[in-house]
Structures are given as structure tokens and as C-alpha cells.
Amino acid sequence: MGECEMKNDLQWRWQTRLGQVTHRLLHFAFFLFPFFIPQAAPLDLAPVQAQLTNGQPAQAFATLSAALTNAPDDPRLLYNHAVAAYASGRYEDALLSLDRAEALGKDALLHRVKFQKGNAEFRLGLAARKANLEETISRWRDSLRNYAEALKETDAPDTKANFEFVRQQLLRLLLDEGKKNLEAARNPGLAPAQKIDQLRGGFEKFQQGAELAPENAEAQAGEQNAREQLAQALAKEGTRKTLTQRMVSPTRFEAPIPRLDHKEIEEGVAMLEDAHQLKPKDQDIADMLELGKDRLADALAQHAQNLMMLEPNMPWPKERLAVLRMAKEKAEEALDRRPKHEHAQATLDEANRRLAKLMEELGDQLSMQAEVSNLEQQTQQLTQALDFYQQSQELQPQNQNLPPKTQRTQQKLEQALDKLADKLMKDGGNKESMESKAARLEGAEQALNQLQGLNPSEQTAQKADQVGKQLGELREQLAQQEGKDGQPQQQPGPGQQQAQQLQNQGVPLDSPPKVNTPGTKGKFNSAAMNKGQDY
């Protein structure tokens, strides 16, 4: 069978019931290319071609598989192996060999490889149709892609014919399945989520069909009809969710009163956003979306208020800071939804005011503690106090008490860091181990780096350079010693403990919250529309 007969073979395969068909024997449709096997006698292709022609593809496949062991990177042999695999019904094996032939072959072979990949993908999709319709659709899309790439290299009529044949089969499949989805959505016993699932399936199938064949009137009409029904179903369910009166129990970080389920309202708003995306000119949907956003902002602002009600009764500063930050985040989330929402703005202002006040109080406490602490503790306490003052000033820039406190604390911290660096730079004597000395110098280096960041100076830079050179030399000595001994020294000294304290002190107690980075969403907003999709 010549390549021009491939379309007829595919049509015959499609029109015959699956499972009751023996494969038509491939004639010299996929002609075998001559090749040479290194360090072996050339393979006589005539008997192999006769096996394919006379209905013995399994023998041809075995012969070419054996030859492939001696020349696994010969693109023509890989192509011939794929031909025999295809003739034997081993479509996956055919694709594997065709992929390698494509990677290793040259232009003269590539368009034939793409053509045969299109044929194999169609066959695999056909075989999967009963068990996995989505796989069939995916396979046939890949088949069309391979034909299209082959057509970039050649305008062979057989490639065009196969492309058009598979396109029509895929189009018919998409339209039929879209109709089934819309018909299933009419079942009055379906729950709203199930109805939306069916309508979404119908919309996607018709949309794919319209993209595949823009000229097809049935696909265009089906896509528009499914879009209309899906938008209305999303708007109806989204509105119901935004109007929920369901109350949820408070967590241990909330005031002991129930609150509206803002998560359900949020999902309702997302569904209304999707409905609006599908029908941007529908004023009713646009109005329902605006009302939904208002209700979500109300619920989030009230949640923030509930959190702030709990804060005064919390005994520990860490918990008070955490709950106020949660309230701030909820108020900001409400304003993201509704930028001019008065209740949310007033709630955010109150959260910021209380956060700033608490941070200032904690900064004052740490500054007082630093007055009676040792040098190492001073640097940690003053660092935290300075951070609290700075954050408080960002929240309440109009507070005139904060700039002087910030300046005094920074000056004290600079003095403490300078003294600490000088202390750690002093030689510990002959009894000090190299490991302890290295740890001590690392602590000095960190103190100097922090000081340079606060108040850059030539003197500090010179000290840091001096410490860096000493530390580099010491590390080389330790590396040499470790190479001789075979084991590193593990005993920490006082300097090492100090360096670890400086390194591990981390951010202050009230660190800014991490940016929330959820997984990438699809082109829609609601879980109902993104469910089961990979992005």
C-alpha cells in the first residue's frame, strides 16, 4: 500500500468495529531505507520487505530489532524498526523508535518520521477511545501536530489527506461529546456542582471544536450555547454562595463568637467572576458580582474585628503580634476585593495603630533589658528593638516619639557591635584551638558586617578586611589539617557559640508575614472551573 493509501486504511480502521478487526497488512507504504551496520554484514532488506508485504510483520520486527542492537543510533534503521513495529500493531514501540530517529536523523528523513508519528498517534488514540476518551483526544491532537510539522517540509497530498481525515474525526468526536455533556446537564436531579461540571465539559469540547475548525457552524453555535448555559449556572450558584448565612466556629486565635463563612463567599465571588469572564456584557452578572464582592469584604473585615477582640486577653507578646497581623491581613484582603470599602479601611487603620503601639512597647522593653545585659545579649536585644521601632514607624509615620527612639537605639547598637567585634578579634592565646579561633573570628566578621550595614565607615571596613584575611588563612589551615587527620574537629569553643548565636538569632519576634504564593491558577478563578486541570 502506498502512502496515498494511508488515508483509506485509517478510514477503514475507523469504520470497522473495534476489537473485531485484524490489522490490514502494510504493503510498501513505509518503504525501508537501506543502511549499514558497523562491524556486521549489511542486512538484506529484500526478505524483510517481503515479510511486511506478505503479512509477516512480527518476523520483520524481530529481524530489525536484532539489527538495532548492533546499530542503536542509525536513524534509518530506527525508522525501519518503527515501520515493522507499526505493522505489528506495536504503536508505542513505533513511537519510541520514531522519536529517536527524529532526534538523530536529517532533513531527508524527518518529514517521513513526522508522517508516521501522526499515523501511530491516531492508532493509539483509536485504541484508547472506549477506556479513556481524553487520551484519544490528546493522541489525535498529537497526530495532527505531527502531520502539520511534516507539511512544513513537504506538501505531499497523502500527508494533507491524513491530516484532514484525522481533523474531521477529532472534530466529530468533540462535537458529539459536547452534545452529550449538555444533554446530561439537563438532568433535574443533578446537584449544582455536577451540572456545572457537565456544562464545563460541553463548553470545553465545543470550544476545542471551534478552534480546530473555525469554519464549522455547528461548533461555533455549540460553543455559544454552552457558554451561555455555563455562565448562567455559575452566576446562579455563585450568587447563592455569596448570600450564605452559614456560620463557622472560631479557631483558638479568634474571638469566641461564630462568624460568616467567608471561604464560601469567596468561592461564590470566584464563580461570579468566571461567569462575568464568559459573558462580560451581561449586566445582571456584573451587578451580582459587585454585590458579592461587597459581601466578601464585609465578612473579611468582620473576621479581622473578631481577631482584634481577642488580642487584649492574650498573655504573650508573640501571640498578640500574631493575632494582630492576622487581623491586618484579613482587612487588607478585604480592601483588595473592595479598595474603597469603609469598614475594611477603618479595620485596617485600627489594626495598624494597635500593631504599631505594641511594637513600640516591645522595643522599649528590649531597650531597657539591654541596659543590664552582657555585650552579646545587648546586640541581640538592641537589634530586635531597632526592628520593632522601624516597623512601628512604617505603620504610624505620624508618631513623633519613634524617630528619636530609633536613632538612639541604632547608636547604642552600633556601639555594642563595635565593642563586640573588638572583643572577638582579640587573640585567645596558645590554648585556643583553631576551631574556636575560627568561630570567634566568624562572630567578629558578622558583627562588623552588621555594623557596616548600619553605619558604613572606613574604619569598620578595614577591620572587616583584616578579620576576613585572618579567617581565610585559618580556614585553609583547618582544611589541610582535616585532610591529614581524615576527620574534622567537632569541639565548639566560646567564640563558636557566639557566632552561632549571631547567625541563628534570625529575624525579630515580629517578623513580617511571608508572601502567600499558592500554586499557579488556570485561566478561571473558581475551583469549579479549574478542577481537574493541569497548569
Protein backbone atom coordinates (compact mmCIF):
# COMPACT_ATOMS: atom_id res chain seq x y z
CA MET A 1 0.00 0.00 0.00
CA GLY A 2 1.49 3.37 -0.96
CA GLU A 3 1.45 6.37 1.32
CA CYS A 4 -1.53 7.66 -0.58
CA GLU A 5 -3.47 4.64 0.70
CA MET A 6 -2.88 5.53 4.35
CA LYS A 7 -6.00 7.68 4.46
CA ASN A 8 -8.11 4.81 3.15
CA ASP A 9 -6.53 2.48 5.70
CA LEU A 10 -7.39 4.91 8.50
CA GLN A 11 -10.93 5.27 7.21
CA TRP A 12 -11.32 1.54 7.06
CA ARG A 13 -9.99 1.24 10.60
CA TRP A 14 -12.37 3.91 11.86
CA GLN A 15 -15.45 2.47 10.15
CA THR A 16 -14.88 -1.08 11.40
CA ARG A 17 -15.93 -2.03 14.93
CA LEU A 18 -13.06 -2.00 17.41
CA GLY A 19 -11.96 -5.35 18.72
CA GLN A 20 -13.23 -7.30 15.72
CA VAL A 21 -10.60 -6.25 13.23
CA THR A 22 -7.28 -7.74 12.25
CA HIS A 23 -4.77 -5.17 11.09
CA ARG A 24 -4.51 -4.71 7.39
CA LEU A 25 -1.14 -5.84 6.22
CA LEU A 26 1.08 -2.89 5.47
CA HIS A 27 2.46 -3.04 1.99
CA PHE A 28 5.46 -0.98 0.99
CA ALA A 29 3.63 2.07 2.31
CA PHE A 30 6.54 2.76 4.63
CA PHE A 31 9.41 1.86 2.39
CA LEU A 32 12.53 0.63 4.12
CA PHE A 33 15.68 2.71 3.83
CA PRO A 34 18.97 0.94 3.14
CA PHE A 35 21.52 1.19 5.95
CA PHE A 36 24.78 -0.38 7.11
CA ILE A 37 25.53 -1.92 10.49
CA PRO A 38 29.07 -1.22 11.74
CA GLN A 39 31.23 -4.31 12.16
CA ALA A 40 28.50 -6.51 10.71
CA ALA A 41 27.38 -7.68 7.29
CA PRO A 42 24.82 -5.37 5.68
CA LEU A 43 21.25 -6.51 6.32
CA ASP A 44 19.43 -7.69 3.20
CA LEU A 45 16.20 -5.70 3.23
CA ALA A 46 14.50 -7.66 0.46
CA PRO A 47 13.38 -10.56 2.73
CA VAL A 48 12.32 -8.09 5.41
CA GLN A 49 10.29 -6.13 2.91
CA ALA A 50 8.75 -9.37 1.66
CA GLN A 51 7.71 -10.25 5.21
CA LEU A 52 5.94 -6.91 5.54
CA THR A 53 4.34 -7.29 2.13
CA ASN A 54 3.23 -10.90 2.73
CA GLY A 55 1.67 -10.39 6.14
CA GLN A 56 4.54 -11.40 8.40
CA PRO A 57 5.28 -8.13 10.27
CA ALA A 58 6.24 -9.90 13.50
CA GLN A 59 9.17 -11.64 11.76
CA ALA A 60 10.23 -8.34 10.18
CA PHE A 61 10.04 -6.65 13.59
CA ALA A 62 12.21 -9.38 15.18
CA THR A 63 14.81 -9.13 12.41
CA LEU A 64 15.04 -5.34 12.66
CA SER A 65 15.09 -5.45 16.48
CA ALA A 66 18.11 -7.74 16.33
CA ALA A 67 19.82 -5.45 13.85
CA LEU A 68 19.11 -2.48 16.12
CA THR A 69 21.28 -3.97 18.88
CA ASN A 70 24.33 -3.53 16.63
CA ALA A 71 23.45 -0.03 15.45
CA PRO A 72 21.13 1.61 18.01
CA ASP A 73 21.80 5.12 16.70
CA ASP A 74 21.24 4.56 12.99
CA PRO A 75 18.24 6.80 12.14
CA ARG A 76 17.27 4.82 9.04
CA LEU A 77 17.35 1.54 10.95
CA LEU A 78 15.26 3.17 13.68
CA TYR A 79 12.78 4.31 11.06
CA ASN A 80 12.59 0.83 9.54
CA HIS A 81 12.19 -0.67 13.00
CA ALA A 82 9.28 1.71 13.60
CA VAL A 83 7.71 0.62 10.30
CA ALA A 84 7.81 -3.02 11.35
CA ALA A 85 6.57 -2.15 14.85
CA TYR A 86 3.64 -0.27 13.38
CA ALA A 87 2.84 -3.11 11.01
CA SER A 88 2.83 -5.46 14.02
CA GLY A 89 0.44 -3.26 15.97
CA ARG A 90 3.20 -2.16 18.37
CA TYR A 91 2.38 1.53 18.14
CA GLU A 92 4.18 2.57 21.34
CA ASP A 93 7.35 0.81 20.15
CA ALA A 94 6.94 2.53 16.81
CA LEU A 95 6.74 5.94 18.51
CA LEU A 96 9.84 5.26 20.58
CA SER A 97 11.88 4.40 17.51
CA LEU A 98 10.44 7.30 15.56
CA ASP A 99 11.34 9.71 18.36
CA ARG A 100 14.95 8.52 18.29
CA ALA A 101 15.02 8.61 14.51
CA GLU A 102 13.77 12.19 14.65
CA ALA A 103 16.47 13.17 17.13
CA LEU A 104 19.24 11.53 15.12
CA GLY A 105 18.04 11.87 11.54
CA LYS A 106 18.48 14.52 8.89
CA ASP A 107 16.03 16.60 6.90
CA ALA A 108 15.50 13.98 4.20
CA LEU A 109 14.06 11.58 6.75
CA LEU A 110 12.29 13.94 9.14
CA HIS A 111 9.08 14.61 7.25
CA ARG A 112 8.53 10.85 6.86
CA VAL A 113 9.15 10.34 10.57
CA LYS A 114 6.58 13.03 11.38
CA PHE A 115 4.11 11.48 8.96
CA GLN A 116 4.44 8.07 10.57
CA LYS A 117 4.23 9.54 14.07
CA GLY A 118 0.93 11.07 13.05
CA ASN A 119 -0.30 7.65 11.93
CA ALA A 120 0.85 5.92 15.13
CA GLU A 121 -0.70 8.57 17.38
CA PHE A 122 -4.01 8.18 15.57
CA ARG A 123 -3.95 4.41 16.08
CA LEU A 124 -3.16 4.74 19.77
CA GLY A 125 -5.96 7.25 20.21
CA LEU A 126 -8.36 4.95 18.43
CA ALA A 127 -7.44 2.04 20.70
CA ALA A 128 -7.94 4.18 23.83
CA ARG A 129 -11.33 5.57 22.88
CA LYS A 130 -13.50 3.25 24.95
CA ALA A 131 -11.32 3.30 28.03
CA ASN A 132 -10.08 6.90 28.05
CA LEU A 133 -11.71 9.48 25.84
CA GLU A 134 -9.37 12.25 26.98
CA GLU A 135 -6.38 10.17 25.88
CA THR A 136 -7.99 9.73 22.48
CA ILE A 137 -8.41 13.48 22.12
CA SER A 138 -4.84 14.09 23.25
CA ARG A 139 -3.44 11.44 20.89
CA TRP A 140 -5.34 12.78 17.92
CA ARG A 141 -4.17 16.30 18.69
CA ASP A 142 -0.60 14.98 18.67
CA SER A 143 -1.35 13.20 15.41
CA LEU A 144 -2.47 16.48 13.82
CA ARG A 145 0.56 18.30 15.21
CA ASN A 146 2.91 15.75 13.62
CA TYR A 147 1.12 15.93 10.29
CA ALA A 148 1.29 19.73 10.43
CA GLU A 149 5.02 19.65 11.11
CA ALA A 150 5.51 17.23 8.23
CA LEU A 151 3.60 19.59 5.95
CA LYS A 152 6.12 22.32 6.75
CA GLU A 153 8.72 20.20 4.96
CA THR A 154 6.59 18.86 2.14
CA ASP A 155 3.15 19.40 0.65
CA ALA A 156 2.65 15.70 -0.06
CA PRO A 157 -1.03 15.06 -0.84
CA ASP A 158 -1.10 11.95 1.35
CA THR A 159 0.02 13.95 4.39
CA LYS A 160 -2.64 16.54 3.65
CA ALA A 161 -5.25 13.83 3.25
CA ASN A 162 -4.37 12.14 6.53
CA PHE A 163 -4.29 15.49 8.34
CA GLU A 164 -7.76 16.37 7.09
CA PHE A 165 -9.13 12.91 7.85
CA VAL A 166 -7.92 12.95 11.48
CA ARG A 167 -9.09 16.54 11.89
CA GLN A 168 -12.60 15.59 10.83
CA GLN A 169 -12.65 12.53 13.09
CA LEU A 170 -11.48 14.62 16.07
CA LEU A 171 -13.99 17.35 15.28
CA ARG A 172 -16.85 14.86 15.13
CA LEU A 173 -15.76 13.31 18.41
CA LEU A 174 -15.57 16.70 20.16
CA LEU A 175 -18.98 17.80 18.89
CA ASP A 176 -20.64 14.52 19.85
CA GLU A 177 -19.16 14.59 23.34
CA GLY A 178 -20.10 18.24 23.76
CA LYS A 179 -23.71 17.38 22.95
CA LYS A 180 -23.65 14.55 25.47
CA ASN A 181 -22.38 16.89 28.17
CA LEU A 182 -25.10 19.46 27.51
CA GLU A 183 -27.77 16.76 27.43
CA ALA A 184 -26.54 15.34 30.75
CA ALA A 185 -26.64 18.83 32.30
CA ARG A 186 -30.42 18.93 31.73
CA ASN A 187 -30.98 16.23 34.32
CA PRO A 188 -33.02 17.97 37.05
CA GLY A 189 -31.61 15.62 39.69
CA LEU A 190 -28.05 16.92 39.33
CA ALA A 191 -26.51 18.93 42.12
CA PRO A 192 -25.31 22.42 41.07
CA ALA A 193 -21.66 21.33 41.13
CA GLN A 194 -22.44 18.33 38.91
CA LYS A 195 -24.39 20.47 36.48
CA ILE A 196 -21.52 22.93 36.24
CA ASP A 197 -19.12 20.05 35.62
CA GLN A 198 -21.23 18.81 32.71
CA LEU A 199 -21.68 22.28 31.25
CA ARG A 200 -17.98 23.00 31.59
CA GLY A 201 -17.22 19.73 29.78
CA GLY A 202 -19.60 20.65 26.97
CA PHE A 203 -18.20 24.16 26.70
CA GLU A 204 -14.62 22.91 26.53
CA LYS A 205 -15.44 20.31 23.87
CA PHE A 206 -17.29 22.77 21.66
CA GLN A 207 -14.59 25.37 22.20
CA GLN A 208 -11.91 22.90 21.14
CA GLY A 209 -14.01 22.00 18.12
CA ALA A 210 -14.36 25.66 17.15
CA GLU A 211 -10.61 26.14 17.48
CA LEU A 212 -9.99 23.04 15.39
CA ALA A 213 -12.45 24.05 12.66
CA PRO A 214 -13.32 27.76 12.83
CA GLU A 215 -15.41 27.37 9.70
CA ASN A 216 -17.70 24.77 11.30
CA ALA A 217 -21.08 26.36 12.10
CA GLU A 218 -22.11 23.54 14.44
CA ALA A 219 -19.01 24.01 16.57
CA GLN A 220 -19.49 27.78 16.73
CA ALA A 221 -23.17 27.50 17.69
CA GLY A 222 -22.47 24.78 20.24
CA GLU A 223 -19.71 26.82 21.85
CA GLN A 224 -22.00 29.86 22.17
CA ASN A 225 -24.87 27.80 23.59
CA ALA A 226 -22.64 26.05 26.11
CA ARG A 227 -21.04 29.37 27.11
CA GLU A 228 -24.48 30.86 27.81
CA GLN A 229 -25.65 27.94 29.93
CA LEU A 230 -22.39 27.66 31.84
CA ALA A 231 -22.30 31.38 32.65
CA GLN A 232 -25.85 31.30 33.97
CA ALA A 233 -25.20 28.20 36.09
CA LEU A 234 -22.05 29.74 37.56
CA ALA A 235 -23.84 33.01 38.28
CA LYS A 236 -26.73 31.26 39.99
CA GLU A 237 -24.54 29.08 42.21
CA GLY A 238 -22.08 31.91 42.83
CA THR A 239 -24.86 34.22 43.98
CA ARG A 240 -26.19 31.54 46.31
CA LYS A 241 -22.77 31.13 47.89
CA THR A 242 -22.20 34.86 48.35
CA LEU A 243 -25.53 35.12 50.17
CA THR A 244 -24.75 32.29 52.57
CA GLN A 245 -25.75 32.68 56.19
CA ARG A 246 -23.67 29.73 57.31
CA MET A 247 -21.64 30.46 60.42
CA VAL A 248 -18.41 28.71 61.29
CA SER A 249 -16.92 28.09 64.71
CA PRO A 250 -13.95 30.25 65.72
CA THR A 251 -10.43 28.91 65.90
CA ARG A 252 -8.32 29.33 69.01
CA PHE A 253 -6.89 32.53 67.51
CA GLU A 254 -10.31 34.13 67.10
CA ALA A 255 -12.83 35.72 69.40
CA PRO A 256 -15.19 33.10 70.83
CA ILE A 257 -18.09 34.05 68.57
CA PRO A 258 -19.20 32.43 65.30
CA ARG A 259 -18.52 34.25 62.05
CA LEU A 260 -19.75 34.11 58.48
CA ASP A 261 -18.06 31.50 56.30
CA HIS A 262 -16.03 33.92 54.16
CA LYS A 263 -14.40 30.99 52.34
CA GLU A 264 -17.76 30.05 50.83
CA ILE A 265 -18.45 33.67 49.95
CA GLU A 266 -15.03 33.89 48.34
CA GLU A 267 -15.75 30.84 46.18
CA GLY A 268 -19.08 32.39 45.20
CA VAL A 269 -17.31 35.58 44.11
CA ALA A 270 -14.83 33.48 42.10
CA MET A 271 -17.71 31.74 40.33
CA LEU A 272 -19.34 35.08 39.55
CA GLU A 273 -16.01 36.32 38.20
CA ASP A 274 -15.88 33.28 35.92
CA ALA A 275 -19.43 33.89 34.78
CA HIS A 276 -18.54 37.51 34.05
CA GLN A 277 -15.46 36.35 32.14
CA LEU A 278 -17.63 34.12 29.99
CA LYS A 279 -20.24 36.86 29.41
CA PRO A 280 -18.58 40.23 30.05
CA LYS A 281 -21.52 42.20 28.61
CA ASP A 282 -24.18 40.63 30.84
CA GLN A 283 -25.16 43.44 33.23
CA ASP A 284 -27.07 41.18 35.62
CA ILE A 285 -23.98 39.04 36.19
CA ALA A 286 -21.83 42.16 36.61
CA ASP A 287 -24.24 43.54 39.24
CA MET A 288 -24.31 40.23 41.15
CA LEU A 289 -20.51 40.17 41.11
CA GLU A 290 -20.29 43.65 42.65
CA LEU A 291 -22.73 42.71 45.41
CA GLY A 292 -20.76 39.53 46.06
CA LYS A 293 -17.52 41.47 46.42
CA ASP A 294 -19.19 43.80 48.92
CA ARG A 295 -20.41 40.90 51.00
CA LEU A 296 -16.98 39.25 50.93
CA ALA A 297 -15.30 42.47 52.06
CA ASP A 298 -17.85 42.76 54.89
CA ALA A 299 -17.16 39.20 56.02
CA LEU A 300 -13.38 39.61 55.92
CA ALA A 301 -13.49 42.91 57.78
CA GLN A 302 -15.69 41.37 60.46
CA HIS A 303 -13.29 38.46 60.77
CA ALA A 304 -10.49 40.97 61.34
CA GLN A 305 -12.57 42.68 64.00
CA ASN A 306 -13.14 39.36 65.76
CA LEU A 307 -9.40 38.72 65.81
CA MET A 308 -8.68 42.10 67.32
CA MET A 309 -11.26 41.46 70.04
CA LEU A 310 -9.18 38.50 71.15
CA GLU A 311 -5.82 40.30 71.29
CA PRO A 312 -6.05 42.13 74.67
CA ASN A 313 -6.67 38.87 76.53
CA MET A 314 -3.60 37.11 75.17
CA PRO A 315 -0.80 36.82 77.76
CA TRP A 316 2.24 36.59 75.47
CA PRO A 317 3.53 39.27 73.09
CA LYS A 318 4.22 36.73 70.37
CA GLU A 319 0.55 35.66 70.31
CA ARG A 320 -0.66 39.26 70.45
CA LEU A 321 1.51 40.18 67.49
CA ALA A 322 0.39 37.12 65.55
CA VAL A 323 -3.31 37.78 66.03
CA LEU A 324 -2.98 41.46 65.12
CA ARG A 325 -1.06 40.55 61.98
CA MET A 326 -3.80 38.09 61.04
CA ALA A 327 -6.37 40.87 61.51
CA LYS A 328 -4.28 43.20 59.35
CA GLU A 329 -4.04 40.59 56.59
CA LYS A 330 -7.81 40.00 56.59
CA ALA A 331 -8.50 43.74 56.39
CA GLU A 332 -6.01 44.10 53.54
CA GLU A 333 -7.61 41.16 51.76
CA ALA A 334 -10.99 42.87 52.07
CA LEU A 335 -9.54 46.06 50.57
CA ASP A 336 -8.02 44.07 47.72
CA ARG A 337 -11.54 42.99 46.88
CA ARG A 338 -13.09 46.38 47.56
CA PRO A 339 -10.45 49.17 47.55
CA LYS A 340 -12.79 51.81 48.99
CA HIS A 341 -14.63 49.65 51.50
CA GLU A 342 -15.14 51.89 54.55
CA HIS A 343 -15.48 49.13 57.14
CA ALA A 344 -12.37 47.36 55.88
CA GLN A 345 -10.34 50.58 55.78
CA ALA A 346 -11.35 51.51 59.33
CA THR A 347 -10.47 47.99 60.49
CA LEU A 348 -7.06 48.15 58.81
CA ASP A 349 -6.33 51.53 60.38
CA GLU A 350 -7.18 50.16 63.81
CA ALA A 351 -5.03 47.05 63.29
CA ASN A 352 -2.08 49.17 62.17
CA ARG A 353 -2.46 51.51 65.15
CA ARG A 354 -2.55 48.65 67.64
CA LEU A 355 0.32 46.84 65.96
CA ALA A 356 2.44 49.98 66.00
CA LYS A 357 1.70 50.59 69.66
CA LEU A 358 2.56 47.02 70.64
CA MET A 359 5.78 47.09 68.61
CA GLU A 360 6.82 50.34 70.27
CA GLU A 361 6.16 48.85 73.71
CA LEU A 362 8.22 45.76 72.90
CA GLY A 363 11.02 47.92 71.54
CA ASP A 364 11.01 49.89 74.80
CA GLN A 365 11.18 46.68 76.86
CA LEU A 366 14.09 45.30 74.87
CA SER A 367 15.97 48.59 75.06
CA MET A 368 15.62 48.60 78.85
CA GLN A 369 16.73 44.97 79.11
CA ALA A 370 19.81 45.76 77.01
CA GLU A 371 20.96 48.26 79.65
CA VAL A 372 21.67 45.44 82.13
CA SER A 373 22.65 42.66 79.74
CA ASN A 374 26.09 41.44 78.73
CA LEU A 375 27.60 42.52 75.42
CA GLU A 376 26.39 39.51 73.46
CA GLN A 377 22.82 39.84 74.71
CA GLN A 378 22.84 43.59 74.09
CA THR A 379 23.48 43.15 70.38
CA GLN A 380 20.57 40.74 70.04
CA GLN A 381 18.14 42.80 72.15
CA LEU A 382 19.03 46.09 70.50
CA THR A 383 18.76 44.52 67.04
CA GLN A 384 15.23 43.36 67.83
CA ALA A 385 14.31 46.66 69.44
CA LEU A 386 15.52 48.61 66.40
CA ASP A 387 13.50 46.38 64.11
CA PHE A 388 10.36 46.90 66.21
CA TYR A 389 10.79 50.68 66.17
CA GLN A 390 11.31 50.70 62.40
CA GLN A 391 8.23 48.58 61.74
CA SER A 392 6.18 50.69 64.13
CA GLN A 393 7.30 53.84 62.35
CA GLU A 394 6.26 52.38 58.99
CA LEU A 395 2.78 51.69 60.35
CA GLN A 396 2.42 55.03 62.16
CA PRO A 397 4.71 57.59 60.49
CA GLN A 398 2.96 60.42 62.30
CA ASN A 399 4.20 59.21 65.71
CA GLN A 400 6.80 61.81 66.70
CA ASN A 401 8.22 59.66 69.52
CA LEU A 402 9.55 56.97 67.25
CA PRO A 403 12.33 58.71 65.24
CA PRO A 404 14.33 59.69 68.38
CA LYS A 405 13.90 56.19 69.83
CA THR A 406 15.02 54.63 66.57
CA GLN A 407 18.06 56.88 66.35
CA ARG A 408 19.13 56.27 69.98
CA THR A 409 18.69 52.53 69.65
CA GLN A 410 20.71 52.41 66.44
CA GLN A 411 23.53 54.37 68.07
CA LYS A 412 23.58 52.00 71.04
CA LEU A 413 23.55 49.01 68.70
CA GLU A 414 26.45 50.42 66.68
CA GLN A 415 28.48 50.90 69.86
CA ALA A 416 27.66 47.40 71.09
CA LEU A 417 28.59 45.83 67.76
CA ASP A 418 31.87 47.74 67.65
CA LYS A 419 32.76 46.58 71.16
CA LEU A 420 31.70 43.02 70.41
CA ALA A 421 33.81 42.92 67.23
CA ASP A 422 36.85 44.23 69.12
CA LYS A 423 36.29 41.64 71.83
CA LEU A 424 36.05 38.79 69.36
CA MET A 425 39.09 39.99 67.40
CA LYS A 426 41.37 39.59 70.46
CA ASP A 427 43.65 36.56 70.30
CA GLY A 428 42.67 33.82 72.71
CA GLY A 429 46.23 32.70 73.35
CA ASN A 430 48.07 29.44 72.77
CA LYS A 431 45.39 27.36 74.47
CA GLU A 432 42.73 28.38 71.96
CA SER A 433 42.07 25.72 69.32
CA MET A 434 41.95 26.61 65.64
CA GLU A 435 38.26 25.69 65.55
CA SER A 436 37.44 28.04 68.42
CA LYS A 437 39.52 30.78 66.86
CA ALA A 438 37.70 30.36 63.54
CA ALA A 439 34.33 30.54 65.30
CA ARG A 440 35.42 33.64 67.21
CA LEU A 441 36.54 35.38 64.03
CA GLU A 442 33.32 34.42 62.26
CA GLY A 443 31.40 36.13 65.07
CA ALA A 444 33.58 39.23 64.68
CA GLU A 445 33.03 39.21 60.91
CA GLN A 446 29.27 39.03 61.32
CA ALA A 447 29.27 41.85 63.89
CA LEU A 448 31.37 44.05 61.59
CA ASN A 449 29.16 43.32 58.59
CA GLN A 450 26.07 44.27 60.57
CA LEU A 451 27.80 47.44 61.79
CA GLN A 452 28.85 48.36 58.28
CA GLY A 453 25.26 47.93 57.16
CA LEU A 454 24.03 50.32 59.84
CA ASN A 455 26.74 52.94 59.58
CA PRO A 456 29.36 52.42 56.86
CA SER A 457 32.83 53.68 57.74
CA GLU A 458 36.41 53.24 56.56
CA GLN A 459 37.47 52.03 59.99
CA THR A 460 34.85 49.28 60.08
CA ALA A 461 35.72 48.25 56.51
CA GLN A 462 39.41 47.94 57.45
CA LYS A 463 38.57 45.79 60.48
CA ALA A 464 36.32 43.57 58.38
CA ASP A 465 39.06 43.19 55.79
CA GLN A 466 41.58 42.27 58.48
CA VAL A 467 39.25 39.69 60.02
CA GLY A 468 38.41 38.28 56.60
CA LYS A 469 42.06 37.70 55.75
CA GLN A 470 42.74 36.02 59.11
CA LEU A 471 39.68 33.86 58.73
CA GLY A 472 40.64 32.82 55.21
CA GLU A 473 44.11 31.76 56.30
CA LEU A 474 42.70 29.87 59.26
CA ARG A 475 40.19 28.02 57.11
CA GLU A 476 42.98 26.91 54.80
CA GLN A 477 44.92 25.56 57.78
CA LEU A 478 41.82 23.73 59.03
CA ALA A 479 41.25 22.23 55.60
CA GLN A 480 44.83 21.00 55.45
CA GLN A 481 44.54 19.57 58.94
CA GLU A 482 41.31 17.84 58.08
CA GLY A 483 42.97 16.31 55.03
CA LYS A 484 45.78 14.93 57.19
CA ASP A 485 43.61 13.67 60.04
CA GLY A 486 40.79 12.41 57.85
CA GLN A 487 38.21 13.82 60.29
CA PRO A 488 37.13 17.38 61.05
CA GLN A 489 37.38 18.76 64.57
CA GLN A 490 33.97 18.95 66.22
CA GLN A 491 34.59 20.61 69.59
CA PRO A 492 32.99 24.10 69.69
CA GLY A 493 34.50 26.87 71.72
CA PRO A 494 33.00 30.04 73.26
CA GLY A 495 33.64 32.03 70.11
CA GLN A 496 31.87 29.41 68.02
CA GLN A 497 28.87 29.52 70.31
CA GLN A 498 28.76 33.32 69.98
CA ALA A 499 28.98 33.09 66.18
CA GLN A 500 26.12 30.60 66.17
CA GLN A 501 24.05 32.94 68.33
CA LEU A 502 24.62 35.82 65.93
CA GLN A 503 23.88 33.58 62.96
CA ASN A 504 20.81 31.92 64.43
CA GLN A 505 19.20 34.88 66.15
CA GLY A 506 17.14 35.20 62.98
CA VAL A 507 14.52 37.85 62.44
CA PRO A 508 12.97 39.57 65.44
CA LEU A 509 9.92 38.20 67.18
CA ASP A 510 7.55 40.17 65.00
CA SER A 511 8.77 39.32 61.53
CA PRO A 512 6.68 40.38 58.54
CA PRO A 513 4.48 37.58 57.20
CA LYS A 514 5.71 35.66 54.20
CA VAL A 515 4.12 36.41 50.90
CA ASN A 516 1.49 33.84 50.09
CA THR A 517 2.47 32.03 46.88
CA PRO A 518 -0.23 29.49 46.01
CA GLY A 519 0.03 27.17 43.06
CA THR A 520 -0.45 28.63 39.63
CA LYS A 521 -4.11 29.00 38.76
CA GLY A 522 -5.72 28.38 35.44
CA LYS A 523 -7.45 30.93 33.27
CA PHE A 524 -10.51 30.91 35.54
CA ASN A 525 -10.92 31.87 39.19
CA SER A 526 -13.19 29.31 40.83
CA ALA A 527 -12.36 25.77 41.87
CA ALA A 528 -15.41 24.66 39.91
CA MET A 529 -13.85 25.83 36.65
CA ASN A 530 -10.23 24.87 37.39
CA LYS A 531 -10.97 21.45 38.87
CA GLY A 532 -9.01 18.63 37.26
CA GLN A 533 -6.94 20.96 35.09
CA ASP A 534 -3.14 20.95 34.89
CA TYR A 535 -1.41 24.32 34.64
